[in-house]
Amino acid sequence: MNVKVLKNEDRELRLRIVGGTHTTLQMFRSRLNGMDDVEYANYFQNHPDLDDPELFLRTVKGKKAEKILSKVCSDISKELSKIKL
């Protein structure tokens, strides 16, 4: 999945997730909103066939959005690597 950074300003991060699905973005949104360091997280999809979805993250004062997202990515990756088929 390719990611294009649209905005990266300390507490705010906006990413375009090329090929992202509602399932993937919902997982990020729910985990981010469950963190104390996150003020707001959501994703937006304009036209489902024409536009790639965007993920927006705003952290509480004193926390960097990029670091928070990196931690969530790492946590998800660790959990998924434990799946045995």
C-alpha atoms as a PDB file:
ATOM      1  CA  MET A   1       0.000   0.000   0.000  1.00  0.00           C
ATOM      2  CA  ASN A   2       1.496   3.316  -1.055  1.00  0.00           C
ATOM      3  CA  VAL A   3       1.117   6.362   1.161  1.00  0.00           C
ATOM      4  CA  LYS A   4       1.378   9.997   0.082  1.00  0.00           C
ATOM      5  CA  VAL A   5       1.927  12.587   2.808  1.00  0.00           C
ATOM      6  CA  LEU A   6      -0.381  15.540   2.224  1.00  0.00           C
ATOM      7  CA  LYS A   7       0.287  17.333   5.514  1.00  0.00           C
ATOM      8  CA  ASN A   8       2.795  16.739   8.295  1.00  0.00           C
ATOM      9  CA  GLU A   9       2.779  19.585  10.807  1.00  0.00           C
ATOM     10  CA  ASP A  10       3.823  18.417  14.259  1.00  0.00           C
ATOM     11  CA  ARG A  11       0.410  17.541  15.777  1.00  0.00           C
ATOM     12  CA  GLU A  12      -1.436  16.993  12.477  1.00  0.00           C
ATOM     13  CA  LEU A  13      -0.905  14.395   9.792  1.00  0.00           C
ATOM     14  CA  ARG A  14      -2.924  13.853   6.621  1.00  0.00           C
ATOM     15  CA  LEU A  15      -2.134  10.917   4.357  1.00  0.00           C
ATOM     16  CA  ARG A  16      -3.543   9.638   1.078  1.00  0.00           C
ATOM     17  CA  ILE A  17      -3.634   5.842   1.230  1.00  0.00           C
ATOM     18  CA  VAL A  18      -3.342   4.539  -2.343  1.00  0.00           C
ATOM     19  CA  GLY A  19      -5.359   1.346  -2.605  1.00  0.00           C
ATOM     20  CA  GLY A  20      -6.619   1.659   0.979  1.00  0.00           C
ATOM     21  CA  THR A  21      -9.920   0.032   1.916  1.00  0.00           C
ATOM     22  CA  HIS A  22     -12.552   0.873   4.503  1.00  0.00           C
ATOM     23  CA  THR A  23     -11.464  -2.166   6.501  1.00  0.00           C
ATOM     24  CA  THR A  24      -7.848  -1.031   6.729  1.00  0.00           C
ATOM     25  CA  LEU A  25      -8.659   2.595   7.456  1.00  0.00           C
ATOM     26  CA  GLN A  26     -11.307   1.710  10.029  1.00  0.00           C
ATOM     27  CA  MET A  27      -8.700  -0.358  11.874  1.00  0.00           C
ATOM     28  CA  PHE A  28      -6.338   2.628  12.010  1.00  0.00           C
ATOM     29  CA  ARG A  29      -9.107   5.052  12.946  1.00  0.00           C
ATOM     30  CA  SER A  30     -10.433   2.945  15.815  1.00  0.00           C
ATOM     31  CA  ARG A  31      -6.982   2.252  17.259  1.00  0.00           C
ATOM     32  CA  LEU A  32      -5.900   5.876  16.985  1.00  0.00           C
ATOM     33  CA  ASN A  33      -9.088   7.205  18.594  1.00  0.00           C
ATOM     34  CA  GLY A  34      -8.597   4.738  21.444  1.00  0.00           C
ATOM     35  CA  MET A  35      -5.276   6.327  22.398  1.00  0.00           C
ATOM     36  CA  ASP A  36      -5.012   9.030  25.064  1.00  0.00           C
ATOM     37  CA  ASP A  37      -2.460  10.933  22.957  1.00  0.00           C
ATOM     38  CA  VAL A  38      -4.880  11.324  20.047  1.00  0.00           C
ATOM     39  CA  GLU A  39      -7.323  14.217  19.949  1.00  0.00           C
ATOM     40  CA  TYR A  40      -9.009  13.197  16.681  1.00  0.00           C
ATOM     41  CA  ALA A  41      -8.559  10.611  13.936  1.00  0.00           C
ATOM     42  CA  ASN A  42     -10.758   9.891  10.931  1.00  0.00           C
ATOM     43  CA  TYR A  43     -10.621   8.867   7.315  1.00  0.00           C
ATOM     44  CA  PHE A  44     -12.405  10.296   4.311  1.00  0.00           C
ATOM     45  CA  GLN A  45     -13.322   8.776   0.973  1.00  0.00           C
ATOM     46  CA  ASN A  46     -14.717  11.120  -1.651  1.00  0.00           C
ATOM     47  CA  HIS A  47     -15.681   9.028  -4.661  1.00  0.00           C
ATOM     48  CA  PRO A  48     -15.033   5.323  -4.024  1.00  0.00           C
ATOM     49  CA  ASP A  49     -14.064   4.559  -7.634  1.00  0.00           C
ATOM     50  CA  LEU A  50     -12.138   7.725  -8.433  1.00  0.00           C
ATOM     51  CA  ASP A  51     -10.417   8.872  -5.234  1.00  0.00           C
ATOM     52  CA  ASP A  52      -8.060   7.201  -2.799  1.00  0.00           C
ATOM     53  CA  PRO A  53      -9.042   7.583   0.854  1.00  0.00           C
ATOM     54  CA  GLU A  54      -7.283   9.992   3.206  1.00  0.00           C
ATOM     55  CA  LEU A  55      -6.439   9.459   6.866  1.00  0.00           C
ATOM     56  CA  PHE A  56      -6.319  12.472   9.185  1.00  0.00           C
ATOM     57  CA  LEU A  57      -4.737  12.471  12.640  1.00  0.00           C
ATOM     58  CA  ARG A  58      -4.451  15.234  15.259  1.00  0.00           C
ATOM     59  CA  THR A  59      -2.681  14.586  18.549  1.00  0.00           C
ATOM     60  CA  VAL A  60      -2.880  16.301  21.912  1.00  0.00           C
ATOM     61  CA  LYS A  61      -0.484  19.131  22.584  1.00  0.00           C
ATOM     62  CA  GLY A  62       3.123  17.967  22.972  1.00  0.00           C
ATOM     63  CA  LYS A  63       2.750  14.734  20.974  1.00  0.00           C
ATOM     64  CA  LYS A  64       3.943  14.241  17.390  1.00  0.00           C
ATOM     65  CA  ALA A  65       1.406  12.714  15.016  1.00  0.00           C
ATOM     66  CA  GLU A  66       4.080  10.938  12.979  1.00  0.00           C
ATOM     67  CA  LYS A  67       5.388   9.086  16.041  1.00  0.00           C
ATOM     68  CA  ILE A  68       1.890   8.066  17.155  1.00  0.00           C
ATOM     69  CA  LEU A  69       1.040   6.688  13.702  1.00  0.00           C
ATOM     70  CA  SER A  70       4.358   4.844  13.550  1.00  0.00           C
ATOM     71  CA  LYS A  71       3.589   3.154  16.871  1.00  0.00           C
ATOM     72  CA  VAL A  72       0.129   2.089  15.700  1.00  0.00           C
ATOM     73  CA  CYS A  73       1.611   0.673  12.474  1.00  0.00           C
ATOM     74  CA  SER A  74       4.175  -1.276  14.486  1.00  0.00           C
ATOM     75  CA  ASP A  75       1.524  -2.616  16.884  1.00  0.00           C
ATOM     76  CA  ILE A  76      -0.726  -3.748  14.017  1.00  0.00           C
ATOM     77  CA  SER A  77       2.185  -5.376  12.225  1.00  0.00           C
ATOM     78  CA  LYS A  78       3.150  -7.327  15.358  1.00  0.00           C
ATOM     79  CA  GLU A  79      -0.426  -8.516  15.891  1.00  0.00           C
ATOM     80  CA  LEU A  80      -0.852  -9.609  12.271  1.00  0.00           C
ATOM     81  CA  SER A  81       2.463 -11.469  12.277  1.00  0.00           C
ATOM     82  CA  LYS A  82       1.101 -13.714  15.056  1.00  0.00           C
ATOM     83  CA  ILE A  83      -1.723 -15.039  12.876  1.00  0.00           C
ATOM     84  CA  LYS A  84      -1.281 -18.711  12.010  1.00  0.00           C
ATOM     85  CA  LEU A  85      -3.158 -20.244   9.102  1.00  0.00           C
END
